[in-house]
Amino acid sequence: GFHARVVQHECDHLDGVLYPQRMTDLSSLTFTSEI
């Protein structure tokens, strides 16, 4: 669950990968204030 998500997110940083690079649908990329 969420624990697995956090581990993947943080390990991606070690490989120089940011979460937008993992997104399959960039139309969901939005401002946090809009969410």
ModelCIF file with pLDDT and N, C-alpha, C, O atoms, coordinates in Angstrom:
data_MODEL
#
_entry.id   MODEL 
#
_entity.id                         1 
_entity.type                       polymer 
_entity.pdbx_number_of_molecules   1 
#
_entity_poly.entity_id                      1 
_entity_poly.type                           'polypeptide(L)' 
_entity_poly.nstd_linkage                   no 
_entity_poly.nstd_monomer                   no 
_entity_poly.pdbx_seq_one_letter_code       GFHARVVQHECDHLDGVLYPQRMTDLSSLTFTSEI 
_entity_poly.pdbx_seq_one_letter_code_can   GFHARVVQHECDHLDGVLYPQRMTDLSSLTFTSEI 
_entity_poly.pdbx_strand_id                 A 
#
loop_
_entity_poly_seq.entity_id 
_entity_poly_seq.num 
_entity_poly_seq.mon_id 
_entity_poly_seq.hetero 
1 1  GLY n 
1 2  PHE n 
1 3  HIS n 
1 4  ALA n 
1 5  ARG n 
1 6  VAL n 
1 7  VAL n 
1 8  GLN n 
1 9  HIS n 
1 10 GLU n 
1 11 CYS n 
1 12 ASP n 
1 13 HIS n 
1 14 LEU n 
1 15 ASP n 
1 16 GLY n 
1 17 VAL n 
1 18 LEU n 
1 19 TYR n 
1 20 PRO n 
1 21 GLN n 
1 22 ARG n 
1 23 MET n 
1 24 THR n 
1 25 ASP n 
1 26 LEU n 
1 27 SER n 
1 28 SER n 
1 29 LEU n 
1 30 THR n 
1 31 PHE n 
1 32 THR n 
1 33 SER n 
1 34 GLU n 
1 35 ILE n 
#
_struct_asym.id          A 
_struct_asym.entity_id   1 
#
loop_
_ma_qa_metric.id 
_ma_qa_metric.mode 
_ma_qa_metric.name 
_ma_qa_metric.software_group_id 
_ma_qa_metric.type 
1 global pLDDT . pLDDT 
2 local  pLDDT . pLDDT 
#
_ma_qa_metric_global.metric_id      1 
_ma_qa_metric_global.metric_value   95.63 
_ma_qa_metric_global.model_id       1 
_ma_qa_metric_global.ordinal_id     1 
#
loop_
_ma_qa_metric_local.label_asym_id 
_ma_qa_metric_local.label_comp_id 
_ma_qa_metric_local.label_seq_id 
_ma_qa_metric_local.metric_id 
_ma_qa_metric_local.metric_value 
_ma_qa_metric_local.model_id 
_ma_qa_metric_local.ordinal_id 
A GLY 1  2 95.00 1 1  
A PHE 2  2 94.00 1 2  
A HIS 3  2 94.00 1 3  
A ALA 4  2 97.00 1 4  
A ARG 5  2 97.00 1 5  
A VAL 6  2 95.00 1 6  
A VAL 7  2 97.00 1 7  
A GLN 8  2 98.00 1 8  
A HIS 9  2 97.00 1 9  
A GLU 10 2 96.00 1 10 
A CYS 11 2 97.00 1 11 
A ASP 12 2 98.00 1 12 
A HIS 13 2 97.00 1 13 
A LEU 14 2 96.00 1 14 
A ASP 15 2 96.00 1 15 
A GLY 16 2 97.00 1 16 
A VAL 17 2 98.00 1 17 
A LEU 18 2 98.00 1 18 
A TYR 19 2 98.00 1 19 
A PRO 20 2 98.00 1 20 
A GLN 21 2 98.00 1 21 
A ARG 22 2 98.00 1 22 
A MET 23 2 98.00 1 23 
A THR 24 2 97.00 1 24 
A ASP 25 2 96.00 1 25 
A LEU 26 2 96.00 1 26 
A SER 27 2 96.00 1 27 
A SER 28 2 94.00 1 28 
A LEU 29 2 96.00 1 29 
A THR 30 2 95.00 1 30 
A PHE 31 2 96.00 1 31 
A THR 32 2 92.00 1 32 
A SER 33 2 91.00 1 33 
A GLU 34 2 89.00 1 34 
A ILE 35 2 82.00 1 35 
#
loop_
_atom_site.group_PDB 
_atom_site.id 
_atom_site.type_symbol 
_atom_site.label_atom_id 
_atom_site.label_alt_id 
_atom_site.label_comp_id 
_atom_site.label_asym_id 
_atom_site.label_entity_id 
_atom_site.label_seq_id 
_atom_site.pdbx_PDB_ins_code 
_atom_site.Cartn_x 
_atom_site.Cartn_y 
_atom_site.Cartn_z 
_atom_site.occupancy 
_atom_site.B_iso_or_equiv 
_atom_site.pdbx_formal_charge 
_atom_site.auth_seq_id 
_atom_site.auth_comp_id 
_atom_site.auth_asym_id 
_atom_site.auth_atom_id 
_atom_site.pdbx_PDB_model_num 
ATOM 1   N N  . GLY A 1 1  ? 0.804  -1.224 0.000   1.00 95.00 ? 1  GLY A N  1 
ATOM 2   C CA . GLY A 1 1  ? 0.000  0.000  0.000   1.00 95.00 ? 1  GLY A CA 1 
ATOM 3   C C  . GLY A 1 1  ? 0.831  1.266  0.000   1.00 95.00 ? 1  GLY A C  1 
ATOM 4   O O  . GLY A 1 1  ? 1.769  1.410  -0.784  1.00 95.00 ? 1  GLY A O  1 
ATOM 5   N N  . PHE A 1 2  ? 0.474  2.189  0.895   1.00 94.00 ? 2  PHE A N  1 
ATOM 6   C CA . PHE A 1 2  ? 1.138  3.489  0.936   1.00 94.00 ? 2  PHE A CA 1 
ATOM 7   C C  . PHE A 1 2  ? 2.621  3.360  1.269   1.00 94.00 ? 2  PHE A C  1 
ATOM 8   O O  . PHE A 1 2  ? 3.442  4.095  0.720   1.00 94.00 ? 2  PHE A O  1 
ATOM 9   N N  . HIS A 1 3  ? 2.973  2.443  2.155   1.00 94.00 ? 3  HIS A N  1 
ATOM 10  C CA . HIS A 1 3  ? 4.376  2.207  2.499   1.00 94.00 ? 3  HIS A CA 1 
ATOM 11  C C  . HIS A 1 3  ? 5.165  1.839  1.239   1.00 94.00 ? 3  HIS A C  1 
ATOM 12  O O  . HIS A 1 3  ? 6.258  2.362  1.018   1.00 94.00 ? 3  HIS A O  1 
ATOM 13  N N  . ALA A 1 4  ? 4.619  0.947  0.419   1.00 97.00 ? 4  ALA A N  1 
ATOM 14  C CA . ALA A 1 4  ? 5.287  0.548  -0.825  1.00 97.00 ? 4  ALA A CA 1 
ATOM 15  C C  . ALA A 1 4  ? 5.427  1.742  -1.767  1.00 97.00 ? 4  ALA A C  1 
ATOM 16  O O  . ALA A 1 4  ? 6.454  1.899  -2.427  1.00 97.00 ? 4  ALA A O  1 
ATOM 17  N N  . ARG A 1 5  ? 4.388  2.584  -1.831  1.00 97.00 ? 5  ARG A N  1 
ATOM 18  C CA . ARG A 1 5  ? 4.424  3.775  -2.688  1.00 97.00 ? 5  ARG A CA 1 
ATOM 19  C C  . ARG A 1 5  ? 5.556  4.710  -2.260  1.00 97.00 ? 5  ARG A C  1 
ATOM 20  O O  . ARG A 1 5  ? 6.307  5.201  -3.103  1.00 97.00 ? 5  ARG A O  1 
ATOM 21  N N  . VAL A 1 6  ? 5.678  4.956  -0.965  1.00 95.00 ? 6  VAL A N  1 
ATOM 22  C CA . VAL A 1 6  ? 6.706  5.871  -0.461  1.00 95.00 ? 6  VAL A CA 1 
ATOM 23  C C  . VAL A 1 6  ? 8.103  5.328  -0.750  1.00 95.00 ? 6  VAL A C  1 
ATOM 24  O O  . VAL A 1 6  ? 8.986  6.075  -1.172  1.00 95.00 ? 6  VAL A O  1 
ATOM 25  N N  . VAL A 1 7  ? 8.303  4.036  -0.525  1.00 97.00 ? 7  VAL A N  1 
ATOM 26  C CA . VAL A 1 7  ? 9.622  3.438  -0.786  1.00 97.00 ? 7  VAL A CA 1 
ATOM 27  C C  . VAL A 1 7  ? 9.990  3.601  -2.262  1.00 97.00 ? 7  VAL A C  1 
ATOM 28  O O  . VAL A 1 7  ? 11.123 3.968  -2.574  1.00 97.00 ? 7  VAL A O  1 
ATOM 29  N N  . GLN A 1 8  ? 9.058  3.336  -3.167  1.00 98.00 ? 8  GLN A N  1 
ATOM 30  C CA . GLN A 1 8  ? 9.338  3.476  -4.602  1.00 98.00 ? 8  GLN A CA 1 
ATOM 31  C C  . GLN A 1 8  ? 9.653  4.931  -4.954  1.00 98.00 ? 8  GLN A C  1 
ATOM 32  O O  . GLN A 1 8  ? 10.587 5.207  -5.706  1.00 98.00 ? 8  GLN A O  1 
ATOM 33  N N  . HIS A 1 9  ? 8.863  5.858  -4.401  1.00 97.00 ? 9  HIS A N  1 
ATOM 34  C CA . HIS A 1 9  ? 9.060  7.290  -4.672  1.00 97.00 ? 9  HIS A CA 1 
ATOM 35  C C  . HIS A 1 9  ? 10.466 7.712  -4.237  1.00 97.00 ? 9  HIS A C  1 
ATOM 36  O O  . HIS A 1 9  ? 11.190 8.354  -4.997  1.00 97.00 ? 9  HIS A O  1 
ATOM 37  N N  . GLU A 1 10 ? 10.844 7.346  -3.008  1.00 96.00 ? 10 GLU A N  1 
ATOM 38  C CA . GLU A 1 10 ? 12.145 7.773  -2.488  1.00 96.00 ? 10 GLU A CA 1 
ATOM 39  C C  . GLU A 1 10 ? 13.302 7.087  -3.204  1.00 96.00 ? 10 GLU A C  1 
ATOM 40  O O  . GLU A 1 10 ? 14.329 7.719  -3.453  1.00 96.00 ? 10 GLU A O  1 
ATOM 41  N N  . CYS A 1 11 ? 13.159 5.819  -3.536  1.00 97.00 ? 11 CYS A N  1 
ATOM 42  C CA . CYS A 1 11 ? 14.223 5.128  -4.278  1.00 97.00 ? 11 CYS A CA 1 
ATOM 43  C C  . CYS A 1 11 ? 14.373 5.699  -5.684  1.00 97.00 ? 11 CYS A C  1 
ATOM 44  O O  . CYS A 1 11 ? 15.478 5.717  -6.227  1.00 97.00 ? 11 CYS A O  1 
ATOM 45  N N  . ASP A 1 12 ? 13.274 6.164  -6.282  1.00 98.00 ? 12 ASP A N  1 
ATOM 46  C CA . ASP A 1 12 ? 13.375 6.831  -7.581  1.00 98.00 ? 12 ASP A CA 1 
ATOM 47  C C  . ASP A 1 12 ? 14.322 8.033  -7.510  1.00 98.00 ? 12 ASP A C  1 
ATOM 48  O O  . ASP A 1 12 ? 15.080 8.285  -8.446  1.00 98.00 ? 12 ASP A O  1 
ATOM 49  N N  . HIS A 1 13 ? 14.276 8.768  -6.402  1.00 97.00 ? 13 HIS A N  1 
ATOM 50  C CA . HIS A 1 13 ? 15.173 9.918  -6.252  1.00 97.00 ? 13 HIS A CA 1 
ATOM 51  C C  . HIS A 1 13 ? 16.634 9.488  -6.361  1.00 97.00 ? 13 HIS A C  1 
ATOM 52  O O  . HIS A 1 13 ? 17.451 10.209 -6.933  1.00 97.00 ? 13 HIS A O  1 
ATOM 53  N N  . LEU A 1 14 ? 16.964 8.333  -5.823  1.00 96.00 ? 14 LEU A N  1 
ATOM 54  C CA . LEU A 1 14 ? 18.347 7.846  -5.887  1.00 96.00 ? 14 LEU A CA 1 
ATOM 55  C C  . LEU A 1 14 ? 18.787 7.577  -7.321  1.00 96.00 ? 14 LEU A C  1 
ATOM 56  O O  . LEU A 1 14 ? 19.975 7.620  -7.639  1.00 96.00 ? 14 LEU A O  1 
ATOM 57  N N  . ASP A 1 15 ? 17.806 7.298  -8.184  1.00 96.00 ? 15 ASP A N  1 
ATOM 58  C CA . ASP A 1 15 ? 18.092 7.050  -9.600  1.00 96.00 ? 15 ASP A CA 1 
ATOM 59  C C  . ASP A 1 15 ? 17.868 8.291  -10.463 1.00 96.00 ? 15 ASP A C  1 
ATOM 60  O O  . ASP A 1 15 ? 17.942 8.221  -11.689 1.00 96.00 ? 15 ASP A O  1 
ATOM 61  N N  . GLY A 1 16 ? 17.593 9.429  -9.818  1.00 97.00 ? 16 GLY A N  1 
ATOM 62  C CA . GLY A 1 16 ? 17.388 10.674 -10.565 1.00 97.00 ? 16 GLY A CA 1 
ATOM 63  C C  . GLY A 1 16 ? 16.038 10.750 -11.260 1.00 97.00 ? 16 GLY A C  1 
ATOM 64  O O  . GLY A 1 16 ? 15.890 11.488 -12.234 1.00 97.00 ? 16 GLY A O  1 
ATOM 65  N N  . VAL A 1 17 ? 15.057 10.008 -10.782 1.00 98.00 ? 17 VAL A N  1 
ATOM 66  C CA . VAL A 1 17 ? 13.733 9.976  -11.393 1.00 98.00 ? 17 VAL A CA 1 
ATOM 67  C C  . VAL A 1 17 ? 12.751 10.705 -10.486 1.00 98.00 ? 17 VAL A C  1 
ATOM 68  O O  . VAL A 1 17 ? 12.700 10.441 -9.285  1.00 98.00 ? 17 VAL A O  1 
ATOM 69  N N  . LEU A 1 18 ? 11.971 11.623 -11.056 1.00 98.00 ? 18 LEU A N  1 
ATOM 70  C CA . LEU A 1 18 ? 10.924 12.326 -10.324 1.00 98.00 ? 18 LEU A CA 1 
ATOM 71  C C  . LEU A 1 18 ? 9.570  11.776 -10.742 1.00 98.00 ? 18 LEU A C  1 
ATOM 72  O O  . LEU A 1 18 ? 9.415  11.257 -11.848 1.00 98.00 ? 18 LEU A O  1 
ATOM 73  N N  . TYR A 1 19 ? 8.587  11.892 -9.848  1.00 98.00 ? 19 TYR A N  1 
ATOM 74  C CA . TYR A 1 19 ? 7.290  11.246 -10.085 1.00 98.00 ? 19 TYR A CA 1 
ATOM 75  C C  . TYR A 1 19 ? 6.630  11.606 -11.414 1.00 98.00 ? 19 TYR A C  1 
ATOM 76  O O  . TYR A 1 19 ? 5.964  10.740 -11.982 1.00 98.00 ? 19 TYR A O  1 
ATOM 77  N N  . PRO A 1 20 ? 6.770  12.843 -11.961 1.00 98.00 ? 20 PRO A N  1 
ATOM 78  C CA . PRO A 1 20 ? 6.130  13.083 -13.271 1.00 98.00 ? 20 PRO A CA 1 
ATOM 79  C C  . PRO A 1 20 ? 6.647  12.145 -14.368 1.00 98.00 ? 20 PRO A C  1 
ATOM 80  O O  . PRO A 1 20 ? 5.933  11.852 -15.327 1.00 98.00 ? 20 PRO A O  1 
ATOM 81  N N  . GLN A 1 21 ? 7.882  11.680 -14.222 1.00 98.00 ? 21 GLN A N  1 
ATOM 82  C CA . GLN A 1 21 ? 8.436  10.764 -15.211 1.00 98.00 ? 21 GLN A CA 1 
ATOM 83  C C  . GLN A 1 21 ? 7.804  9.373  -15.127 1.00 98.00 ? 21 GLN A C  1 
ATOM 84  O O  . GLN A 1 21 ? 7.928  8.586  -16.065 1.00 98.00 ? 21 GLN A O  1 
ATOM 85  N N  . ARG A 1 22 ? 7.138  9.065  -14.031 1.00 98.00 ? 22 ARG A N  1 
ATOM 86  C CA . ARG A 1 22 ? 6.453  7.787  -13.850 1.00 98.00 ? 22 ARG A CA 1 
ATOM 87  C C  . ARG A 1 22 ? 4.978  7.862  -14.231 1.00 98.00 ? 22 ARG A C  1 
ATOM 88  O O  . ARG A 1 22 ? 4.313  6.833  -14.349 1.00 98.00 ? 22 ARG A O  1 
ATOM 89  N N  . MET A 1 23 ? 4.468  9.070  -14.422 1.00 98.00 ? 23 MET A N  1 
ATOM 90  C CA . MET A 1 23 ? 3.048  9.236  -14.727 1.00 98.00 ? 23 MET A CA 1 
ATOM 91  C C  . MET A 1 23 ? 2.734  8.704  -16.121 1.00 98.00 ? 23 MET A C  1 
ATOM 92  O O  . MET A 1 23 ? 3.485  8.936  -17.068 1.00 98.00 ? 23 MET A O  1 
ATOM 93  N N  . THR A 1 24 ? 1.625  7.992  -16.236 1.00 97.00 ? 24 THR A N  1 
ATOM 94  C CA . THR A 1 24 ? 1.202  7.477  -17.536 1.00 97.00 ? 24 THR A CA 1 
ATOM 95  C C  . THR A 1 24 ? 0.200  8.407  -18.204 1.00 97.00 ? 24 THR A C  1 
ATOM 96  O O  . THR A 1 24 ? -0.065 8.278  -19.399 1.00 97.00 ? 24 THR A O  1 
ATOM 97  N N  . ASP A 1 25 ? -0.359 9.346  -17.441 1.00 96.00 ? 25 ASP A N  1 
ATOM 98  C CA . ASP A 1 25 ? -1.325 10.315 -17.973 1.00 96.00 ? 25 ASP A CA 1 
ATOM 99  C C  . ASP A 1 25 ? -1.004 11.684 -17.385 1.00 96.00 ? 25 ASP A C  1 
ATOM 100 O O  . ASP A 1 25 ? -1.429 12.009 -16.277 1.00 96.00 ? 25 ASP A O  1 
ATOM 101 N N  . LEU A 1 26 ? -0.257 12.473 -18.131 1.00 96.00 ? 26 LEU A N  1 
ATOM 102 C CA . LEU A 1 26 ? 0.166  13.782 -17.630 1.00 96.00 ? 26 LEU A CA 1 
ATOM 103 C C  . LEU A 1 26 ? -0.988 14.774 -17.489 1.00 96.00 ? 26 LEU A C  1 
ATOM 104 O O  . LEU A 1 26 ? -0.796 15.862 -16.945 1.00 96.00 ? 26 LEU A O  1 
ATOM 105 N N  . SER A 1 27 ? -2.179 14.421 -17.966 1.00 96.00 ? 27 SER A N  1 
ATOM 106 C CA . SER A 1 27 ? -3.314 15.331 -17.796 1.00 96.00 ? 27 SER A CA 1 
ATOM 107 C C  . SER A 1 27 ? -3.735 15.423 -16.325 1.00 96.00 ? 27 SER A C  1 
ATOM 108 O O  . SER A 1 27 ? -4.467 16.340 -15.954 1.00 96.00 ? 27 SER A O  1 
ATOM 109 N N  . SER A 1 28 ? -3.279 14.480 -15.479 1.00 94.00 ? 28 SER A N  1 
ATOM 110 C CA . SER A 1 28 ? -3.606 14.559 -14.050 1.00 94.00 ? 28 SER A CA 1 
ATOM 111 C C  . SER A 1 28 ? -2.605 15.420 -13.277 1.00 94.00 ? 28 SER A C  1 
ATOM 112 O O  . SER A 1 28 ? -2.819 15.698 -12.096 1.00 94.00 ? 28 SER A O  1 
ATOM 113 N N  . LEU A 1 29 ? -1.524 15.845 -13.921 1.00 96.00 ? 29 LEU A N  1 
ATOM 114 C CA . LEU A 1 29 ? -0.566 16.729 -13.257 1.00 96.00 ? 29 LEU A CA 1 
ATOM 115 C C  . LEU A 1 29 ? -1.242 18.072 -13.041 1.00 96.00 ? 29 LEU A C  1 
ATOM 116 O O  . LEU A 1 29 ? -1.676 18.717 -13.995 1.00 96.00 ? 29 LEU A O  1 
ATOM 117 N N  . THR A 1 30 ? -1.329 18.488 -11.794 1.00 95.00 ? 30 THR A N  1 
ATOM 118 C CA . THR A 1 30 ? -2.092 19.693 -11.474 1.00 95.00 ? 30 THR A CA 1 
ATOM 119 C C  . THR A 1 30 ? -1.480 20.426 -10.294 1.00 95.00 ? 30 THR A C  1 
ATOM 120 O O  . THR A 1 30 ? -0.640 19.884 -9.576  1.00 95.00 ? 30 THR A O  1 
ATOM 121 N N  . PHE A 1 31 ? -1.910 21.657 -10.105 1.00 96.00 ? 31 PHE A N  1 
ATOM 122 C CA . PHE A 1 31 ? -1.479 22.429 -8.951  1.00 96.00 ? 31 PHE A CA 1 
ATOM 123 C C  . PHE A 1 31 ? -2.165 21.884 -7.708  1.00 96.00 ? 31 PHE A C  1 
ATOM 124 O O  . PHE A 1 31 ? -3.356 21.576 -7.741  1.00 96.00 ? 31 PHE A O  1 
ATOM 125 N N  . THR A 1 32 ? -1.421 21.763 -6.610  1.00 92.00 ? 32 THR A N  1 
ATOM 126 C CA . THR A 1 32 ? -2.008 21.243 -5.378  1.00 92.00 ? 32 THR A CA 1 
ATOM 127 C C  . THR A 1 32 ? -3.155 22.128 -4.902  1.00 92.00 ? 32 THR A C  1 
ATOM 128 O O  . THR A 1 32 ? -4.097 21.632 -4.284  1.00 92.00 ? 32 THR A O  1 
ATOM 129 N N  . SER A 1 33 ? -3.091 23.410 -5.174  1.00 91.00 ? 33 SER A N  1 
ATOM 130 C CA . SER A 1 33 ? -4.179 24.307 -4.768  1.00 91.00 ? 33 SER A CA 1 
ATOM 131 C C  . SER A 1 33 ? -5.465 23.980 -5.521  1.00 91.00 ? 33 SER A C  1 
ATOM 132 O O  . SER A 1 33 ? -6.557 24.179 -4.991  1.00 91.00 ? 33 SER A O  1 
ATOM 133 N N  . GLU A 1 34 ? -5.348 23.485 -6.743  1.00 89.00 ? 34 GLU A N  1 
ATOM 134 C CA . GLU A 1 34 ? -6.529 23.109 -7.522  1.00 89.00 ? 34 GLU A CA 1 
ATOM 135 C C  . GLU A 1 34 ? -7.145 21.814 -6.980  1.00 89.00 ? 34 GLU A C  1 
ATOM 136 O O  . GLU A 1 34 ? -8.367 21.660 -6.997  1.00 89.00 ? 34 GLU A O  1 
ATOM 137 N N  . ILE A 1 35 ? -6.319 20.893 -6.507  1.00 82.00 ? 35 ILE A N  1 
ATOM 138 C CA . ILE A 1 35 ? -6.845 19.653 -5.936  1.00 82.00 ? 35 ILE A CA 1 
ATOM 139 C C  . ILE A 1 35 ? -7.648 19.982 -4.694  1.00 82.00 ? 35 ILE A C  1 
ATOM 140 O O  . ILE A 1 35 ? -8.186 19.081 -4.050  1.00 82.00 ? 35 ILE A O  1 
#
